[in-house]
C-alpha atoms as a PDB file:
ATOM      1  CA  MET A   1     114.645  92.271 122.426  1.00  0.00           C
ATOM      2  CA  LYS A   2     115.197  96.105 123.313  1.00  0.00           C
ATOM      3  CA  LYS A   3     117.130  98.676 121.300  1.00  0.00           C
ATOM      4  CA  LYS A   4     119.539 100.139 123.917  1.00  0.00           C
ATOM      5  CA  ILE A   5     120.272 103.659 124.132  1.00  0.00           C
ATOM      6  CA  LEU A   6     123.852 104.779 125.723  1.00  0.00           C
ATOM      7  CA  VAL A   7     123.310 109.226 126.666  1.00  0.00           C
ATOM      8  CA  VAL A   8     126.067 110.795 127.636  1.00  0.00           C
ATOM      9  CA  ASP A   9     125.573 113.942 128.940  1.00  0.00           C
ATOM     10  CA  ASP A  10     127.665 115.458 131.972  1.00  0.00           C
ATOM     11  CA  ASP A  11     124.538 116.981 133.116  1.00  0.00           C
ATOM     12  CA  SER A  12     122.399 114.999 135.377  1.00  0.00           C
ATOM     13  CA  ASN A  13     118.937 117.050 134.573  1.00  0.00           C
ATOM     14  CA  ILE A  14     118.997 116.103 130.265  1.00  0.00           C
ATOM     15  CA  ALA A  15     120.722 112.545 130.755  1.00  0.00           C
ATOM     16  CA  GLU A  16     117.824 111.990 133.730  1.00  0.00           C
ATOM     17  CA  LEU A  17     115.226 113.535 131.283  1.00  0.00           C
ATOM     18  CA  LEU A  18     116.299 111.265 128.344  1.00  0.00           C
ATOM     19  CA  ARG A  19     115.971 108.447 130.800  1.00  0.00           C
ATOM     20  CA  PHE A  20     112.810 108.849 132.120  1.00  0.00           C
ATOM     21  CA  TYR A  21     111.094 109.114 127.966  1.00  0.00           C
ATOM     22  CA  LEU A  22     113.571 106.933 126.563  1.00  0.00           C
ATOM     23  CA  GLU A  23     112.641 104.274 128.892  1.00  0.00           C
ATOM     24  CA  LYS A  24     108.886 105.313 128.231  1.00  0.00           C
ATOM     25  CA  GLU A  25     109.526 104.664 124.433  1.00  0.00           C
ATOM     26  CA  ASP A  26     110.536 101.154 125.678  1.00  0.00           C
ATOM     27  CA  PHE A  27     114.393 101.331 125.379  1.00  0.00           C
ATOM     28  CA  GLU A  28     117.036 100.277 127.776  1.00  0.00           C
ATOM     29  CA  VAL A  29     119.127 103.240 128.340  1.00  0.00           C
ATOM     30  CA  ASN A  30     122.035 103.225 130.769  1.00  0.00           C
ATOM     31  CA  VAL A  31     123.805 106.831 131.389  1.00  0.00           C
ATOM     32  CA  LYS A  32     127.834 108.324 131.683  1.00  0.00           C
ATOM     33  CA  SER A  33     128.894 111.469 132.654  1.00  0.00           C
ATOM     34  CA  ASN A  34     131.864 111.564 130.705  1.00  0.00           C
ATOM     35  CA  GLY A  35     134.497 110.746 127.435  1.00  0.00           C
ATOM     36  CA  LYS A  36     136.253 108.138 128.522  1.00  0.00           C
ATOM     37  CA  ASP A  37     133.125 106.143 130.372  1.00  0.00           C
ATOM     38  CA  ALA A  38     131.124 106.798 127.540  1.00  0.00           C
ATOM     39  CA  VAL A  39     133.558 104.836 125.314  1.00  0.00           C
ATOM     40  CA  LYS A  40     134.007 101.705 127.982  1.00  0.00           C
ATOM     41  CA  ALA A  41     130.320 101.214 127.866  1.00  0.00           C
ATOM     42  CA  PHE A  42     130.274 101.254 124.052  1.00  0.00           C
ATOM     43  CA  SER A  43     132.761  98.368 124.021  1.00  0.00           C
ATOM     44  CA  GLU A  44     131.412  96.526 126.656  1.00  0.00           C
ATOM     45  CA  TRP A  45     128.551  97.252 126.680  1.00  0.00           C
ATOM     46  CA  SER A  46     127.653  97.308 122.753  1.00  0.00           C
ATOM     47  CA  PRO A  47     124.526  99.600 122.681  1.00  0.00           C
ATOM     48  CA  ASP A  48     122.223 100.203 119.469  1.00  0.00           C
ATOM     49  CA  LEU A  49     122.051 103.879 119.659  1.00  0.00           C
ATOM     50  CA  MET A  50     124.495 106.921 121.497  1.00  0.00           C
ATOM     51  CA  LEU A  51     122.979 110.151 122.234  1.00  0.00           C
ATOM     52  CA  LEU A  52     126.494 112.163 122.646  1.00  0.00           C
ATOM     53  CA  ASP A  53     126.717 115.613 124.426  1.00  0.00           C
ATOM     54  CA  ILE A  54     130.454 117.635 123.077  1.00  0.00           C
ATOM     55  CA  MET A  55     131.042 119.865 125.564  1.00  0.00           C
ATOM     56  CA  LEU A  56     132.161 116.453 128.686  1.00  0.00           C
ATOM     57  CA  PRO A  57     134.808 116.249 131.230  1.00  0.00           C
ATOM     58  CA  LYS A  58     137.835 113.749 130.445  1.00  0.00           C
ATOM     59  CA  MET A  59     137.408 113.458 126.642  1.00  0.00           C
ATOM     60  CA  ASP A  60     135.082 115.497 124.836  1.00  0.00           C
ATOM     61  CA  GLY A  61     131.913 114.238 121.930  1.00  0.00           C
ATOM     62  CA  TRP A  62     134.378 114.918 119.024  1.00  0.00           C
ATOM     63  CA  GLN A  63     137.127 112.642 120.506  1.00  0.00           C
ATOM     64  CA  VAL A  64     134.480 109.759 121.749  1.00  0.00           C
ATOM     65  CA  CYS A  65     133.132 109.925 118.183  1.00  0.00           C
ATOM     66  CA  ARG A  66     136.436 108.947 116.613  1.00  0.00           C
ATOM     67  CA  GLU A  67     137.395 107.060 119.067  1.00  0.00           C
ATOM     68  CA  ILE A  68     133.848 104.697 117.870  1.00  0.00           C
ATOM     69  CA  ARG A  69     134.670 104.951 114.898  1.00  0.00           C
ATOM     70  CA  ARG A  70     137.639 103.039 115.102  1.00  0.00           C
ATOM     71  CA  PHE A  71     135.671  99.755 115.866  1.00  0.00           C
ATOM     72  CA  SER A  72     131.651 100.472 115.297  1.00  0.00           C
ATOM     73  CA  SER A  73     129.435 101.886 112.646  1.00  0.00           C
ATOM     74  CA  LYS A  74     126.750 101.909 115.378  1.00  0.00           C
ATOM     75  CA  PRO A  75     124.554 105.397 115.001  1.00  0.00           C
ATOM     76  CA  ILE A  76     125.647 108.385 116.856  1.00  0.00           C
ATOM     77  CA  ILE A  77     124.160 111.655 117.157  1.00  0.00           C
ATOM     78  CA  MET A  78     125.141 114.230 119.134  1.00  0.00           C
ATOM     79  CA  LEU A  79     124.236 116.159 121.430  1.00  0.00           C
ATOM     80  CA  SER A  80     124.948 120.463 121.840  1.00  0.00           C
ATOM     81  CA  ALA A  81     124.112 123.890 122.710  1.00  0.00           C
ATOM     82  CA  LYS A  82     126.786 124.620 119.671  1.00  0.00           C
ATOM     83  CA  GLY A  83     124.968 125.096 116.743  1.00  0.00           C
ATOM     84  CA  GLU A  84     126.912 126.064 113.889  1.00  0.00           C
ATOM     85  CA  THR A  85     126.635 124.355 110.690  1.00  0.00           C
ATOM     86  CA  VAL A  86     130.878 124.160 111.005  1.00  0.00           C
ATOM     87  CA  ASP A  87     129.988 121.721 114.723  1.00  0.00           C
ATOM     88  CA  LYS A  88     127.472 119.701 112.157  1.00  0.00           C
ATOM     89  CA  VAL A  89     129.639 119.374 109.470  1.00  0.00           C
ATOM     90  CA  LEU A  90     132.601 117.843 112.053  1.00  0.00           C
ATOM     91  CA  GLY A  91     130.483 115.789 113.211  1.00  0.00           C
ATOM     92  CA  LEU A  92     129.476 114.376 110.211  1.00  0.00           C
ATOM     93  CA  GLU A  93     133.008 113.956 109.229  1.00  0.00           C
ATOM     94  CA  LEU A  94     134.024 112.423 112.024  1.00  0.00           C
ATOM     95  CA  GLY A  95     131.463 109.600 111.800  1.00  0.00           C
ATOM     96  CA  ALA A  96     128.280 110.658 113.320  1.00  0.00           C
ATOM     97  CA  ASP A  97     124.122 109.644 111.729  1.00  0.00           C
ATOM     98  CA  ASP A  98     122.479 113.267 113.250  1.00  0.00           C
ATOM     99  CA  TYR A  99     123.112 116.058 115.377  1.00  0.00           C
ATOM    100  CA  ILE A 100     120.920 117.794 117.823  1.00  0.00           C
ATOM    101  CA  SER A 101     121.399 121.752 118.710  1.00  0.00           C
ATOM    102  CA  LYS A 102     120.065 121.879 122.990  1.00  0.00           C
ATOM    103  CA  PRO A 103     117.959 123.521 124.003  1.00  0.00           C
ATOM    104  CA  PHE A 104     115.670 120.550 122.250  1.00  0.00           C
ATOM    105  CA  GLU A 105     111.997 119.060 122.401  1.00  0.00           C
ATOM    106  CA  ILE A 106     111.946 115.241 123.883  1.00  0.00           C
ATOM    107  CA  LYS A 107     109.398 114.434 121.042  1.00  0.00           C
ATOM    108  CA  GLU A 108     112.041 115.417 118.460  1.00  0.00           C
ATOM    109  CA  VAL A 109     114.843 113.201 119.808  1.00  0.00           C
ATOM    110  CA  ILE A 110     112.479 110.631 119.837  1.00  0.00           C
ATOM    111  CA  ALA A 111     111.224 111.212 116.482  1.00  0.00           C
ATOM    112  CA  ARG A 112     115.294 111.918 115.527  1.00  0.00           C
ATOM    113  CA  ILE A 113     116.435 107.691 117.197  1.00  0.00           C
ATOM    114  CA  LYS A 114     113.457 106.536 115.231  1.00  0.00           C
ATOM    115  CA  ALA A 115     114.768 107.851 112.037  1.00  0.00           C
ATOM    116  CA  VAL A 116     118.226 106.880 112.220  1.00  0.00           C
ATOM    117  CA  PHE A 117     117.207 103.375 113.310  1.00  0.00           C
ATOM    118  CA  ARG A 118     114.790 103.328 110.011  1.00  0.00           C
ATOM    119  CA  ARG A 119     117.886 104.764 107.702  1.00  0.00           C
ATOM    120  CA  TYR A 120     119.879 101.939 109.285  1.00  0.00           C
ATOM    121  CA  GLY A 121     117.144  99.447 108.673  1.00  0.00           C
ATOM    122  CA  THR A 122     117.685  98.752 112.131  1.00  0.00           C
ATOM    123  CA  ASP A 123     113.756  99.674 113.473  1.00  0.00           C
ATOM    124  CA  GLU A 124     112.635  95.721 112.458  1.00  0.00           C
ATOM    125  CA  ASN A 125     115.821  93.411 111.961  1.00  0.00           C
ATOM    126  CA  GLU A 126     119.032  94.617 113.130  1.00  0.00           C
ATOM    127  CA  ASP A 127     120.752  91.837 111.629  1.00  0.00           C
ATOM    128  CA  VAL A 128     119.026  92.477 108.082  1.00  0.00           C
ATOM    129  CA  ARG A 129     121.018  95.313 106.073  1.00  0.00           C
ATOM    130  CA  GLU A 130     120.616  93.184 103.057  1.00  0.00           C
ATOM    131  CA  VAL A 131     117.952  94.236 100.289  1.00  0.00           C
ATOM    132  CA  LYS A 132     117.840  91.683  96.901  1.00  0.00           C
ATOM    133  CA  TYR A 133     115.698  92.509  93.628  1.00  0.00           C
ATOM    134  CA  GLU A 134     116.129  90.667  90.368  1.00  0.00           C
ATOM    135  CA  ASN A 135     120.021  91.291  88.917  1.00  0.00           C
ATOM    136  CA  LEU A 136     120.355  94.000  91.944  1.00  0.00           C
ATOM    137  CA  SER A 137     121.904  93.662  95.485  1.00  0.00           C
ATOM    138  CA  ILE A 138     122.328  96.149  97.974  1.00  0.00           C
ATOM    139  CA  ASN A 139     124.128  95.435 100.810  1.00  0.00           C
ATOM    140  CA  LEU A 140     124.850  98.303 103.183  1.00  0.00           C
ATOM    141  CA  GLU A 141     126.584  96.106 106.185  1.00  0.00           C
ATOM    142  CA  ASN A 142     129.646  96.790 103.586  1.00  0.00           C
ATOM    143  CA  TYR A 143     128.571  99.344 101.740  1.00  0.00           C
ATOM    144  CA  GLU A 144     128.198  96.745  97.699  1.00  0.00           C
ATOM    145  CA  LEU A 145     125.960  97.483  95.097  1.00  0.00           C
ATOM    146  CA  ARG A 146     125.888  94.679  92.824  1.00  0.00           C
ATOM    147  CA  VAL A 147     124.111  94.258  89.601  1.00  0.00           C
ATOM    148  CA  ARG A 148     123.974  91.084  87.600  1.00  0.00           C
ATOM    149  CA  GLY A 149     125.994  89.482  89.897  1.00  0.00           C
ATOM    150  CA  VAL A 150     129.528  92.177  89.671  1.00  0.00           C
ATOM    151  CA  GLN A 151     130.186  94.863  92.316  1.00  0.00           C
ATOM    152  CA  VAL A 152     129.330  98.238  90.566  1.00  0.00           C
ATOM    153  CA  ASP A 153     131.849 101.496  92.221  1.00  0.00           C
ATOM    154  CA  THR A 154     129.397 103.296  94.172  1.00  0.00           C
ATOM    155  CA  PRO A 155     129.617 105.932  96.195  1.00  0.00           C
ATOM    156  CA  PRO A 156     128.319 106.071  99.763  1.00  0.00           C
ATOM    157  CA  LYS A 157     125.305 108.492  99.329  1.00  0.00           C
ATOM    158  CA  GLU A 158     124.644 106.450  96.472  1.00  0.00           C
ATOM    159  CA  MET A 159     124.296 103.696  98.121  1.00  0.00           C
ATOM    160  CA  GLU A 160     122.471 104.663 101.001  1.00  0.00           C
ATOM    161  CA  LEU A 161     119.869 106.891  98.459  1.00  0.00           C
ATOM    162  CA  ILE A 162     119.773 103.222  96.568  1.00  0.00           C
ATOM    163  CA  TYR A 163     118.935 101.024 100.253  1.00  0.00           C
ATOM    164  CA  HIS A 164     116.246 103.790 101.643  1.00  0.00           C
ATOM    165  CA  LEU A 165     114.677 103.365  98.320  1.00  0.00           C
ATOM    166  CA  ALA A 166     114.413 100.067  98.109  1.00  0.00           C
ATOM    167  CA  CYS A 167     113.892  98.924 101.242  1.00  0.00           C
ATOM    168  CA  ASN A 168     110.602 100.914 100.686  1.00  0.00           C
ATOM    169  CA  PRO A 169     109.421  99.557  97.659  1.00  0.00           C
ATOM    170  CA  ASN A 170     106.674 101.916  95.111  1.00  0.00           C
ATOM    171  CA  ARG A 171     106.573 104.313  98.454  1.00  0.00           C
ATOM    172  CA  VAL A 172     106.730 107.932  96.420  1.00  0.00           C
ATOM    173  CA  PHE A 173     109.148 110.146  98.492  1.00  0.00           C
ATOM    174  CA  THR A 174     109.836 114.145  97.661  1.00  0.00           C
ATOM    175  CA  ARG A 175     113.192 115.902  97.177  1.00  0.00           C
ATOM    176  CA  ASP A 176     113.108 116.928 100.857  1.00  0.00           C
ATOM    177  CA  GLN A 177     112.412 113.696 102.956  1.00  0.00           C
ATOM    178  CA  LEU A 178     115.099 112.258 101.116  1.00  0.00           C
ATOM    179  CA  LEU A 179     117.569 115.085 102.180  1.00  0.00           C
ATOM    180  CA  ASP A 180     116.172 113.994 105.347  1.00  0.00           C
ATOM    181  CA  GLU A 181     116.824 111.078 105.910  1.00  0.00           C
ATOM    182  CA  VAL A 182     119.566 109.739 103.516  1.00  0.00           C
ATOM    183  CA  TRP A 183     121.679 112.494 104.217  1.00  0.00           C
ATOM    184  CA  GLY A 184     119.957 113.726 107.274  1.00  0.00           C
ATOM    185  CA  PHE A 185     121.895 116.763 109.775  1.00  0.00           C
ATOM    186  CA  ASP A 186     118.758 119.422 108.986  1.00  0.00           C
ATOM    187  CA  TYR A 187     120.807 119.132 105.425  1.00  0.00           C
ATOM    188  CA  TYR A 188     121.082 123.176 103.919  1.00  0.00           C
ATOM    189  CA  GLY A 189     122.177 121.824 100.671  1.00  0.00           C
ATOM    190  CA  ASP A 190     119.928 122.128  97.968  1.00  0.00           C
ATOM    191  CA  SER A 191     117.378 119.812  96.948  1.00  0.00           C
ATOM    192  CA  ARG A 192     119.090 119.339  93.049  1.00  0.00           C
ATOM    193  CA  THR A 193     121.439 116.936  95.358  1.00  0.00           C
ATOM    194  CA  VAL A 194     119.118 114.652  95.314  1.00  0.00           C
ATOM    195  CA  ASP A 195     118.604 115.028  91.190  1.00  0.00           C
ATOM    196  CA  VAL A 196     121.994 114.332  90.621  1.00  0.00           C
ATOM    197  CA  HIS A 197     122.278 111.302  92.485  1.00  0.00           C
ATOM    198  CA  VAL A 198     119.239 109.912  91.357  1.00  0.00           C
ATOM    199  CA  LYS A 199     120.716 110.265  87.769  1.00  0.00           C
ATOM    200  CA  ARG A 200     124.128 108.482  88.588  1.00  0.00           C
ATOM    201  CA  LEU A 201     122.533 105.885  90.387  1.00  0.00           C
ATOM    202  CA  ARG A 202     119.841 105.174  86.686  1.00  0.00           C
ATOM    203  CA  GLU A 203     123.113 104.910  84.619  1.00  0.00           C
ATOM    204  CA  LYS A 204     124.087 102.247  86.847  1.00  0.00           C
ATOM    205  CA  LEU A 205     120.164 100.092  86.870  1.00  0.00           C
ATOM    206  CA  ASP A 206     118.117 101.594  83.825  1.00  0.00           C
ATOM    207  CA  GLY A 207     117.781  98.650  82.003  1.00  0.00           C
ATOM    208  CA  VAL A 208     118.682  96.019  84.907  1.00  0.00           C
ATOM    209  CA  SER A 209     115.526  94.356  85.084  1.00  0.00           C
ATOM    210  CA  ASP A 210     111.916  94.836  83.330  1.00  0.00           C
ATOM    211  CA  LYS A 211     109.993  93.604  87.263  1.00  0.00           C
ATOM    212  CA  TRP A 212     111.828  97.152  89.167  1.00  0.00           C
ATOM    213  CA  SER A 213     112.729 100.353  87.985  1.00  0.00           C
ATOM    214  CA  LEU A 214     113.780 104.381  89.922  1.00  0.00           C
ATOM    215  CA  LYS A 215     111.152 105.981  89.241  1.00  0.00           C
ATOM    216  CA  THR A 216     110.213 109.689  89.265  1.00  0.00           C
ATOM    217  CA  VAL A 217     107.231 110.691  89.926  1.00  0.00           C
ATOM    218  CA  TRP A 218     106.950 114.396  88.687  1.00  0.00           C
ATOM    219  CA  GLY A 219     105.892 117.523  90.763  1.00  0.00           C
ATOM    220  CA  VAL A 220     106.692 115.212  93.659  1.00  0.00           C
ATOM    221  CA  GLY A 221     109.788 112.942  93.652  1.00  0.00           C
ATOM    222  CA  TYR A 222     111.177 109.980  93.185  1.00  0.00           C
ATOM    223  CA  LYS A 223     110.373 105.937  94.412  1.00  0.00           C
ATOM    224  CA  PHE A 224     111.860 102.450  94.084  1.00  0.00           C
ATOM    225  CA  GLU A 225     108.534 101.215  91.958  1.00  0.00           C
ATOM    226  CA  VAL A 226     108.314  97.253  91.772  1.00  0.00           C
ATOM    227  CA  ARG A 227     105.705  95.349  88.977  1.00  0.00           C
ATOM    228  CA  GLU A 228     104.169  92.526  90.218  1.00  0.00           C
END
C-alpha cells in the first residue's frame, strides 16, 4: 500500500513541485494551502506523514502542529524560510519530527521523509512499533520498556535510541548518525549526548541476557549486538 503524504503550503509552485516528485517516489499525495484545511484533511484522510509550511493563511504551521498533536502522533516535517535555531526548537517542542529550511533540494526532502519513516519503523510495516529479544521488550507505540517482564521507567529519547539500535541488530552506528537519525533536526548538541544516553541504557540493560548486548565499537560508535 502506498504511503500517504499531506503537503501543506500556500505557495502553489512549491506544493505542486513536491507533489510531482513525491508521486514519482510512489507516494500518494494530497495538497492543502491553508492551516484549517490541513487539520481537516489530516483528520479525514489520515496521512502517514505531513509536510507542513509555517507561514500559512487562516492557521499558521505552529497552530496546525499543536492541533494535530492533540489526536495524532503521525510524523510531521516542517518546511519554512525561517531557519533560526529557535524556530527549530519551537517546532520540536510542539511535536514536529524534523525541520527543513527553504530553499531546499527535493532530494533532501525525500531523504528526510524516508529517514523519518525509518525512525518510526514505518518503512516496512507501519503497524509494528515493538521489538522483542530475550528478557527485553521495546514498545515505541506507548513508549514502554520491559526488562524481564517488568516495566522500567525510561525517558523518551532513551526509548527511541534503544528502539533504533534494536531494530537494526549488529549494525554499527556512528554518534553523528545516531544524532541525525534519532535526535533529528540537524541536532546542534555535542556527540557526547549519545554517550550519556547509552550509559543510562546500560545501567538498565547490562546483564539482562547473554544473547544480546549494547556494545561500543571503539573509534566508531555503537551497535545492538545479537549473538547466535
